[in-house]
Each structure stands twice: as C-alpha cells, then as structure tokens.
Amino acid sequence: MSSLTELQALIQEKYDIPVSDLDPQASMREKGLDSLALAEFIFAVEDHFHIVVPDDNPNIDTLAELASLVDGAIAAKEAKETKETKAESTV
C-alpha cells in the first residue's frame, strides 16, 4: 500500500493545501514549500510513520518521490521487525 494518500493528508493538515491541488508528480516547491518547509515536512513524515527517511537522496521534489522513499523505509522497518520477531521466537 502506498503512503501517498497519507502524505497528501499530512501536507493538507500542515500547510493547508487542499489534497485536490496536490499532483503527486508536480514539484512540491510549486505549492510554495521551500527547502526549509520540505525539511520540516520530512521530519513530520518520519514522526508520523515512525521511520527514518534516508538522507542519501536530498533532491526529493515530488510527493511521488517521497512516497516511494517512505514506502521503502516502511518495508525495511517491517522486514527488520519480522526478522527480530522470528529470532526472538527461536530463543
């Protein structure tokens, strides 16, 4: 499941931009989010999803790009938790 819908809702909540105005392929800068606002938004995303967005891609520009990174981070977190749970159950 993609995180895109939740990301759109977060932007609407934080910056009062209607979801209908948020094209996943358009630059978030076009909606008035400068680099500081984007950094703050990424921190909010990390808090919301309880993940760490990899910082090896500093050029996140669209919601689709961010959703892809978030989805990857969620999948990695879930895989790690599953692995840890299996390891604990074999002890």
PDB file of N, CA and C in Angstrom:
ATOM      1  N   MET A   1       0.843  -1.185   0.000  1.00  0.00           N
ATOM      2  CA  MET A   1       0.000   0.000   0.000  1.00  0.00           C
ATOM      3  C   MET A   1       0.884   1.243   0.000  1.00  0.00           C
ATOM      4  N   SER A   2       0.570   2.177  -0.836  1.00  0.00           N
ATOM      5  CA  SER A   2       1.365   3.390  -0.955  1.00  0.00           C
ATOM      6  C   SER A   2       1.022   4.381   0.158  1.00  0.00           C
ATOM      7  N   SER A   3       2.018   5.112   0.547  1.00  0.00           N
ATOM      8  CA  SER A   3       1.853   6.129   1.583  1.00  0.00           C
ATOM      9  C   SER A   3       1.361   7.455   1.007  1.00  0.00           C
ATOM     10  N   LEU A   4       1.165   7.514  -0.292  1.00  0.00           N
ATOM     11  CA  LEU A   4       0.838   8.770  -0.964  1.00  0.00           C
ATOM     12  C   LEU A   4      -0.382   9.468  -0.363  1.00  0.00           C
ATOM     13  N   THR A   5      -1.452   8.741  -0.117  1.00  0.00           N
ATOM     14  CA  THR A   5      -2.670   9.353   0.421  1.00  0.00           C
ATOM     15  C   THR A   5      -2.416   9.983   1.786  1.00  0.00           C
ATOM     16  N   GLU A   6      -1.662   9.281   2.627  1.00  0.00           N
ATOM     17  CA  GLU A   6      -1.350   9.835   3.957  1.00  0.00           C
ATOM     18  C   GLU A   6      -0.440  11.049   3.842  1.00  0.00           C
ATOM     19  N   LEU A   7       0.496  11.025   2.895  1.00  0.00           N
ATOM     20  CA  LEU A   7       1.376  12.176   2.693  1.00  0.00           C
ATOM     21  C   LEU A   7       0.572  13.394   2.241  1.00  0.00           C
ATOM     22  N   GLN A   8      -0.377  13.174   1.345  1.00  0.00           N
ATOM     23  CA  GLN A   8      -1.219  14.283   0.900  1.00  0.00           C
ATOM     24  C   GLN A   8      -2.022  14.853   2.074  1.00  0.00           C
ATOM     25  N   ALA A   9      -2.544  13.976   2.922  1.00  0.00           N
ATOM     26  CA  ALA A   9      -3.306  14.434   4.087  1.00  0.00           C
ATOM     27  C   ALA A   9      -2.411  15.213   5.050  1.00  0.00           C
ATOM     28  N   LEU A  10      -1.170  14.770   5.215  1.00  0.00           N
ATOM     29  CA  LEU A  10      -0.236  15.491   6.092  1.00  0.00           C
ATOM     30  C   LEU A  10       0.067  16.888   5.561  1.00  0.00           C
ATOM     31  N   ILE A  11       0.271  16.986   4.255  1.00  0.00           N
ATOM     32  CA  ILE A  11       0.536  18.308   3.673  1.00  0.00           C
ATOM     33  C   ILE A  11      -0.682  19.208   3.846  1.00  0.00           C
ATOM     34  N   GLN A  12      -1.859  18.659   3.630  1.00  0.00           N
ATOM     35  CA  GLN A  12      -3.070  19.459   3.803  1.00  0.00           C
ATOM     36  C   GLN A  12      -3.176  19.956   5.245  1.00  0.00           C
ATOM     37  N   GLU A  13      -2.913  19.062   6.192  1.00  0.00           N
ATOM     38  CA  GLU A  13      -3.002  19.425   7.606  1.00  0.00           C
ATOM     39  C   GLU A  13      -1.953  20.464   7.993  1.00  0.00           C
ATOM     40  N   LYS A  14      -0.728  20.266   7.533  1.00  0.00           N
ATOM     41  CA  LYS A  14       0.387  21.118   7.963  1.00  0.00           C
ATOM     42  C   LYS A  14       0.441  22.456   7.216  1.00  0.00           C
ATOM     43  N   TYR A  15       0.100  22.447   5.923  1.00  0.00           N
ATOM     44  CA  TYR A  15       0.272  23.650   5.103  1.00  0.00           C
ATOM     45  C   TYR A  15      -1.035  24.172   4.503  1.00  0.00           C
ATOM     46  N   ASP A  16      -2.152  23.532   4.857  1.00  0.00           N
ATOM     47  CA  ASP A  16      -3.470  23.974   4.391  1.00  0.00           C
ATOM     48  C   ASP A  16      -3.565  24.026   2.861  1.00  0.00           C
ATOM     49  N   ILE A  17      -2.965  23.038   2.217  1.00  0.00           N
ATOM     50  CA  ILE A  17      -3.058  22.913   0.763  1.00  0.00           C
ATOM     51  C   ILE A  17      -4.052  21.785   0.481  1.00  0.00           C
ATOM     52  N   PRO A  18      -5.132  22.064  -0.225  1.00  0.00           N
ATOM     53  CA  PRO A  18      -6.128  21.023  -0.491  1.00  0.00           C
ATOM     54  C   PRO A  18      -5.524  19.823  -1.227  1.00  0.00           C
ATOM     55  N   VAL A  19      -5.944  18.642  -0.839  1.00  0.00           N
ATOM     56  CA  VAL A  19      -5.449  17.418  -1.471  1.00  0.00           C
ATOM     57  C   VAL A  19      -5.687  17.464  -2.973  1.00  0.00           C
ATOM     58  N   SER A  20      -6.803  18.037  -3.388  1.00  0.00           N
ATOM     59  CA  SER A  20      -7.116  18.109  -4.817  1.00  0.00           C
ATOM     60  C   SER A  20      -6.099  18.936  -5.599  1.00  0.00           C
ATOM     61  N   ASP A  21      -5.341  19.782  -4.909  1.00  0.00           N
ATOM     62  CA  ASP A  21      -4.313  20.603  -5.558  1.00  0.00           C
ATOM     63  C   ASP A  21      -2.936  19.943  -5.549  1.00  0.00           C
ATOM     64  N   LEU A  22      -2.833  18.753  -4.984  1.00  0.00           N
ATOM     65  CA  LEU A  22      -1.533  18.102  -4.826  1.00  0.00           C
ATOM     66  C   LEU A  22      -1.331  17.015  -5.878  1.00  0.00           C
ATOM     67  N   ASP A  23      -0.717  17.394  -6.975  1.00  0.00           N
ATOM     68  CA  ASP A  23      -0.370  16.440  -8.027  1.00  0.00           C
ATOM     69  C   ASP A  23       0.879  15.691  -7.578  1.00  0.00           C
ATOM     70  N   PRO A  24       0.810  14.360  -7.460  1.00  0.00           N
ATOM     71  CA  PRO A  24       1.956  13.590  -6.979  1.00  0.00           C
ATOM     72  C   PRO A  24       3.218  13.763  -7.823  1.00  0.00           C
ATOM     73  N   GLN A  25       3.050  14.118  -9.097  1.00  0.00           N
ATOM     74  CA  GLN A  25       4.202  14.251  -9.994  1.00  0.00           C
ATOM     75  C   GLN A  25       4.738  15.680 -10.080  1.00  0.00           C
ATOM     76  N   ALA A  26       4.037  16.624  -9.498  1.00  0.00           N
ATOM     77  CA  ALA A  26       4.457  18.025  -9.556  1.00  0.00           C
ATOM     78  C   ALA A  26       5.422  18.337  -8.416  1.00  0.00           C
ATOM     79  N   SER A  27       6.264  19.300  -8.648  1.00  0.00           N
ATOM     80  CA  SER A  27       7.209  19.738  -7.626  1.00  0.00           C
ATOM     81  C   SER A  27       6.459  20.310  -6.428  1.00  0.00           C
ATOM     82  N   MET A  28       6.872  19.892  -5.238  1.00  0.00           N
ATOM     83  CA  MET A  28       6.256  20.449  -4.030  1.00  0.00           C
ATOM     84  C   MET A  28       6.621  21.919  -3.883  1.00  0.00           C
ATOM     85  N   ARG A  29       7.714  22.326  -4.486  1.00  0.00           N
ATOM     86  CA  ARG A  29       8.120  23.733  -4.444  1.00  0.00           C
ATOM     87  C   ARG A  29       7.095  24.613  -5.175  1.00  0.00           C
ATOM     88  N   GLU A  30       6.426  24.037  -6.182  1.00  0.00           N
ATOM     89  CA  GLU A  30       5.399  24.792  -6.908  1.00  0.00           C
ATOM     90  C   GLU A  30       4.233  25.170  -6.002  1.00  0.00           C
ATOM     91  N   LYS A  31       4.061  24.444  -4.922  1.00  0.00           N
ATOM     92  CA  LYS A  31       2.984  24.737  -3.970  1.00  0.00           C
ATOM     93  C   LYS A  31       3.463  25.646  -2.843  1.00  0.00           C
ATOM     94  N   GLY A  32       4.681  26.160  -2.982  1.00  0.00           N
ATOM     95  CA  GLY A  32       5.183  27.121  -2.018  1.00  0.00           C
ATOM     96  C   GLY A  32       6.040  26.544  -0.907  1.00  0.00           C
ATOM     97  N   LEU A  33       6.387  25.267  -0.993  1.00  0.00           N
ATOM     98  CA  LEU A  33       7.230  24.660   0.032  1.00  0.00           C
ATOM     99  C   LEU A  33       8.696  24.872  -0.346  1.00  0.00           C
ATOM    100  N   ASP A  34       9.374  25.732   0.397  1.00  0.00           N
ATOM    101  CA  ASP A  34      10.793  25.949   0.148  1.00  0.00           C
ATOM    102  C   ASP A  34      11.601  24.839   0.814  1.00  0.00           C
ATOM    103  N   SER A  35      12.920  24.919   0.738  1.00  0.00           N
ATOM    104  CA  SER A  35      13.760  23.838   1.263  1.00  0.00           C
ATOM    105  C   SER A  35      13.580  23.651   2.768  1.00  0.00           C
ATOM    106  N   LEU A  36      13.384  24.727   3.507  1.00  0.00           N
ATOM    107  CA  LEU A  36      13.164  24.613   4.951  1.00  0.00           C
ATOM    108  C   LEU A  36      11.824  23.930   5.238  1.00  0.00           C
ATOM    109  N   ALA A  37      10.786  24.328   4.523  1.00  0.00           N
ATOM    110  CA  ALA A  37       9.474  23.706   4.709  1.00  0.00           C
ATOM    111  C   ALA A  37       9.525  22.229   4.338  1.00  0.00           C
ATOM    112  N   LEU A  38      10.258  21.886   3.283  1.00  0.00           N
ATOM    113  CA  LEU A  38      10.383  20.479   2.896  1.00  0.00           C
ATOM    114  C   LEU A  38      11.107  19.684   3.973  1.00  0.00           C
ATOM    115  N   ALA A  39      12.160  20.259   4.541  1.00  0.00           N
ATOM    116  CA  ALA A  39      12.884  19.570   5.615  1.00  0.00           C
ATOM    117  C   ALA A  39      11.966  19.356   6.817  1.00  0.00           C
ATOM    118  N   GLU A  40      11.215  20.376   7.185  1.00  0.00           N
ATOM    119  CA  GLU A  40      10.267  20.244   8.299  1.00  0.00           C
ATOM    120  C   GLU A  40       9.207  19.192   7.992  1.00  0.00           C
ATOM    121  N   PHE A  41       8.754  19.164   6.741  1.00  0.00           N
ATOM    122  CA  PHE A  41       7.741  18.184   6.361  1.00  0.00           C
ATOM    123  C   PHE A  41       8.305  16.768   6.450  1.00  0.00           C
ATOM    124  N   ILE A  42       9.537  16.583   6.041  1.00  0.00           N
ATOM    125  CA  ILE A  42      10.146  15.248   6.120  1.00  0.00           C
ATOM    126  C   ILE A  42      10.257  14.811   7.577  1.00  0.00           C
ATOM    127  N   PHE A  43      10.579  15.726   8.480  1.00  0.00           N
ATOM    128  CA  PHE A  43      10.601  15.376   9.908  1.00  0.00           C
ATOM    129  C   PHE A  43       9.203  14.959  10.375  1.00  0.00           C
ATOM    130  N   ALA A  44       8.182  15.671   9.916  1.00  0.00           N
ATOM    131  CA  ALA A  44       6.804  15.315  10.277  1.00  0.00           C
ATOM    132  C   ALA A  44       6.440  13.937   9.722  1.00  0.00           C
ATOM    133  N   VAL A  45       6.902  13.647   8.517  1.00  0.00           N
ATOM    134  CA  VAL A  45       6.659  12.337   7.897  1.00  0.00           C
ATOM    135  C   VAL A  45       7.324  11.242   8.722  1.00  0.00           C
ATOM    136  N   GLU A  46       8.558  11.489   9.138  1.00  0.00           N
ATOM    137  CA  GLU A  46       9.269  10.496   9.955  1.00  0.00           C
ATOM    138  C   GLU A  46       8.522  10.242  11.264  1.00  0.00           C
ATOM    139  N   ASP A  47       8.051  11.291  11.888  1.00  0.00           N
ATOM    140  CA  ASP A  47       7.293  11.134  13.136  1.00  0.00           C
ATOM    141  C   ASP A  47       5.982  10.387  12.896  1.00  0.00           C
ATOM    142  N   HIS A  48       5.302  10.728  11.821  1.00  0.00           N
ATOM    143  CA  HIS A  48       4.001  10.121  11.528  1.00  0.00           C
ATOM    144  C   HIS A  48       4.120   8.619  11.258  1.00  0.00           C
ATOM    145  N   PHE A  49       5.112   8.239  10.463  1.00  0.00           N
ATOM    146  CA  PHE A  49       5.258   6.840  10.063  1.00  0.00           C
ATOM    147  C   PHE A  49       6.220   6.052  10.964  1.00  0.00           C
ATOM    148  N   HIS A  50       6.868   6.736  11.900  1.00  0.00           N
ATOM    149  CA  HIS A  50       7.846   6.101  12.794  1.00  0.00           C
ATOM    150  C   HIS A  50       8.959   5.428  11.987  1.00  0.00           C
ATOM    151  N   ILE A  51       9.514   6.215  11.067  1.00  0.00           N
ATOM    152  CA  ILE A  51      10.590   5.731  10.198  1.00  0.00           C
ATOM    153  C   ILE A  51      11.668   6.796  10.121  1.00  0.00           C
ATOM    154  N   VAL A  52      12.755   6.450   9.473  1.00  0.00           N
ATOM    155  CA  VAL A  52      13.786   7.424   9.131  1.00  0.00           C
ATOM    156  C   VAL A  52      13.853   7.458   7.609  1.00  0.00           C
ATOM    157  N   VAL A  53      13.587   8.626   7.039  1.00  0.00           N
ATOM    158  CA  VAL A  53      13.683   8.774   5.592  1.00  0.00           C
ATOM    159  C   VAL A  53      15.167   8.861   5.254  1.00  0.00           C
ATOM    160  N   PRO A  54      15.644   8.000   4.374  1.00  0.00           N
ATOM    161  CA  PRO A  54      17.069   8.026   4.031  1.00  0.00           C
ATOM    162  C   PRO A  54      17.476   9.402   3.519  1.00  0.00           C
ATOM    163  N   ASP A  55      18.594   9.893   4.010  1.00  0.00           N
ATOM    164  CA  ASP A  55      19.044  11.217   3.588  1.00  0.00           C
ATOM    165  C   ASP A  55      20.040  11.145   2.444  1.00  0.00           C
ATOM    166  N   ASP A  56      20.151   9.973   1.820  1.00  0.00           N
ATOM    167  CA  ASP A  56      21.066   9.845   0.690  1.00  0.00           C
ATOM    168  C   ASP A  56      20.434  10.329  -0.612  1.00  0.00           C
ATOM    169  N   ASN A  57      19.219  10.847  -0.537  1.00  0.00           N
ATOM    170  CA  ASN A  57      18.544  11.410  -1.699  1.00  0.00           C
ATOM    171  C   ASN A  57      17.999  12.784  -1.328  1.00  0.00           C
ATOM    172  N   PRO A  58      18.873  13.787  -1.279  1.00  0.00           N
ATOM    173  CA  PRO A  58      18.444  15.107  -0.827  1.00  0.00           C
ATOM    174  C   PRO A  58      17.582  15.860  -1.838  1.00  0.00           C
ATOM    175  N   ASN A  59      17.404  15.312  -3.021  1.00  0.00           N
ATOM    176  CA  ASN A  59      16.667  16.015  -4.060  1.00  0.00           C
ATOM    177  C   ASN A  59      15.221  15.554  -4.183  1.00  0.00           C
ATOM    178  N   ILE A  60      14.595  15.235  -3.071  1.00  0.00           N
ATOM    179  CA  ILE A  60      13.188  14.855  -3.091  1.00  0.00           C
ATOM    180  C   ILE A  60      12.402  16.091  -3.519  1.00  0.00           C
ATOM    181  N   ASP A  61      11.681  15.968  -4.618  1.00  0.00           N
ATOM    182  CA  ASP A  61      10.985  17.133  -5.143  1.00  0.00           C
ATOM    183  C   ASP A  61       9.484  16.924  -5.291  1.00  0.00           C
ATOM    184  N   THR A  62       9.062  15.682  -5.496  1.00  0.00           N
ATOM    185  CA  THR A  62       7.638  15.427  -5.702  1.00  0.00           C
ATOM    186  C   THR A  62       7.097  14.515  -4.608  1.00  0.00           C
ATOM    187  N   LEU A  63       5.793  14.540  -4.443  1.00  0.00           N
ATOM    188  CA  LEU A  63       5.159  13.636  -3.481  1.00  0.00           C
ATOM    189  C   LEU A  63       5.361  12.184  -3.895  1.00  0.00           C
ATOM    190  N   ALA A  64       5.364  11.920  -5.187  1.00  0.00           N
ATOM    191  CA  ALA A  64       5.569  10.551  -5.661  1.00  0.00           C
ATOM    192  C   ALA A  64       6.957  10.049  -5.265  1.00  0.00           C
ATOM    193  N   GLU A  65       7.978  10.907  -5.389  1.00  0.00           N
ATOM    194  CA  GLU A  65       9.336  10.523  -4.979  1.00  0.00           C
ATOM    195  C   GLU A  65       9.393  10.273  -3.478  1.00  0.00           C
ATOM    196  N   LEU A  66       8.776  11.151  -2.715  1.00  0.00           N
ATOM    197  CA  LEU A  66       8.766  10.986  -1.265  1.00  0.00           C
ATOM    198  C   LEU A  66       7.998   9.730  -0.871  1.00  0.00           C
ATOM    199  N   ALA A  67       6.861   9.482  -1.513  1.00  0.00           N
ATOM    200  CA  ALA A  67       6.070   8.284  -1.211  1.00  0.00           C
ATOM    201  C   ALA A  67       6.882   7.023  -1.482  1.00  0.00           C
ATOM    202  N   SER A  68       7.649   7.025  -2.551  1.00  0.00           N
ATOM    203  CA  SER A  68       8.487   5.870  -2.871  1.00  0.00           C
ATOM    204  C   SER A  68       9.525   5.630  -1.776  1.00  0.00           C
ATOM    205  N   LEU A  69      10.157   6.698  -1.310  1.00  0.00           N
ATOM    206  CA  LEU A  69      11.139   6.569  -0.226  1.00  0.00           C
ATOM    207  C   LEU A  69      10.478   6.111   1.070  1.00  0.00           C
ATOM    208  N   VAL A  70       9.331   6.675   1.380  1.00  0.00           N
ATOM    209  CA  VAL A  70       8.606   6.300   2.599  1.00  0.00           C
ATOM    210  C   VAL A  70       8.188   4.831   2.528  1.00  0.00           C
ATOM    211  N   ASP A  71       7.653   4.421   1.387  1.00  0.00           N
ATOM    212  CA  ASP A  71       7.235   3.024   1.229  1.00  0.00           C
ATOM    213  C   ASP A  71       8.418   2.077   1.412  1.00  0.00           C
ATOM    214  N   GLY A  72       9.578   2.459   0.872  1.00  0.00           N
ATOM    215  CA  GLY A  72      10.777   1.638   1.042  1.00  0.00           C
ATOM    216  C   GLY A  72      11.223   1.572   2.493  1.00  0.00           C
ATOM    217  N   ALA A  73      11.167   2.705   3.183  1.00  0.00           N
ATOM    218  CA  ALA A  73      11.564   2.741   4.594  1.00  0.00           C
ATOM    219  C   ALA A  73      10.603   1.925   5.455  1.00  0.00           C
ATOM    220  N   ILE A  74       9.315   1.984   5.142  1.00  0.00           N
ATOM    221  CA  ILE A  74       8.327   1.190   5.883  1.00  0.00           C
ATOM    222  C   ILE A  74       8.571  -0.293   5.649  1.00  0.00           C
ATOM    223  N   ALA A  75       8.818  -0.671   4.403  1.00  0.00           N
ATOM    224  CA  ALA A  75       9.071  -2.080   4.081  1.00  0.00           C
ATOM    225  C   ALA A  75      10.322  -2.581   4.794  1.00  0.00           C
ATOM    226  N   ALA A  76      11.371  -1.764   4.818  1.00  0.00           N
ATOM    227  CA  ALA A  76      12.605  -2.159   5.501  1.00  0.00           C
ATOM    228  C   ALA A  76      12.372  -2.308   7.001  1.00  0.00           C
ATOM    229  N   LYS A  77      11.607  -1.394   7.578  1.00  0.00           N
ATOM    230  CA  LYS A  77      11.298  -1.459   9.010  1.00  0.00           C
ATOM    231  C   LYS A  77      10.498  -2.717   9.329  1.00  0.00           C
ATOM    232  N   GLU A  78       9.494  -3.006   8.507  1.00  0.00           N
ATOM    233  CA  GLU A  78       8.670  -4.197   8.731  1.00  0.00           C
ATOM    234  C   GLU A  78       9.485  -5.475   8.574  1.00  0.00           C
ATOM    235  N   ALA A  79      10.379  -5.507   7.595  1.00  0.00           N
ATOM    236  CA  ALA A  79      11.226  -6.684   7.394  1.00  0.00           C
ATOM    237  C   ALA A  79      12.145  -6.886   8.593  1.00  0.00           C
ATOM    238  N   LYS A  80      12.694  -5.791   9.106  1.00  0.00           N
ATOM    239  CA  LYS A  80      13.576  -5.880  10.267  1.00  0.00           C
ATOM    240  C   LYS A  80      12.803  -6.373  11.488  1.00  0.00           C
ATOM    241  N   GLU A  81      11.600  -5.838  11.687  1.00  0.00           N
ATOM    242  CA  GLU A  81      10.788  -6.254  12.833  1.00  0.00           C
ATOM    243  C   GLU A  81      10.393  -7.721  12.721  1.00  0.00           C
ATOM    244  N   THR A  82      10.078  -8.182  11.517  1.00  0.00           N
ATOM    245  CA  THR A  82       9.727  -9.584  11.301  1.00  0.00           C
ATOM    246  C   THR A  82      10.920 -10.478  11.601  1.00  0.00           C
ATOM    247  N   LYS A  83      12.080 -10.058  11.136  1.00  0.00           N
ATOM    248  CA  LYS A  83      13.302 -10.831  11.377  1.00  0.00           C
ATOM    249  C   LYS A  83      13.599 -10.904  12.871  1.00  0.00           C
ATOM    250  N   GLU A  84      13.448  -9.780  13.567  1.00  0.00           N
ATOM    251  CA  GLU A  84      13.707  -9.758  15.009  1.00  0.00           C
ATOM    252  C   GLU A  84      12.698 -10.618  15.762  1.00  0.00           C
ATOM    253  N   THR A  85      11.448 -10.587  15.339  1.00  0.00           N
ATOM    254  CA  THR A  85      10.412 -11.398  15.980  1.00  0.00           C
ATOM    255  C   THR A  85      10.705 -12.875  15.800  1.00  0.00           C
ATOM    256  N   LYS A  86      11.111 -13.264  14.599  1.00  0.00           N
ATOM    257  CA  LYS A  86      11.449 -14.664  14.338  1.00  0.00           C
ATOM    258  C   LYS A  86      12.655 -15.090  15.167  1.00  0.00           C
ATOM    259  N   ALA A  87      13.643 -14.206  15.282  1.00  0.00           N
ATOM    260  CA  ALA A  87      14.840 -14.524  16.062  1.00  0.00           C
ATOM    261  C   ALA A  87      14.489 -14.694  17.538  1.00  0.00           C
ATOM    262  N   GLU A  88      13.600 -13.846  18.045  1.00  0.00           N
ATOM    263  CA  GLU A  88      13.192 -13.945  19.449  1.00  0.00           C
ATOM    264  C   GLU A  88      12.395 -15.215  19.712  1.00  0.00           C
ATOM    265  N   SER A  89      11.607 -15.645  18.751  1.00  0.00           N
ATOM    266  CA  SER A  89      10.778 -16.832  18.961  1.00  0.00           C
ATOM    267  C   SER A  89      11.584 -18.123  18.899  1.00  0.00           C
ATOM    268  N   THR A  90      12.791 -18.069  18.362  1.00  0.00           N
ATOM    269  CA  THR A  90      13.627 -19.271  18.303  1.00  0.00           C
ATOM    270  C   THR A  90      14.534 -19.391  19.515  1.00  0.00           C
ATOM    271  N   VAL A  91      14.518 -18.375  20.367  1.00  0.00           N
ATOM    272  CA  VAL A  91      15.386 -18.383  21.559  1.00  0.00           C
ATOM    273  C   VAL A  91      14.746 -19.159  22.670  1.00  0.00           C
TER     274      VAL A  91
END
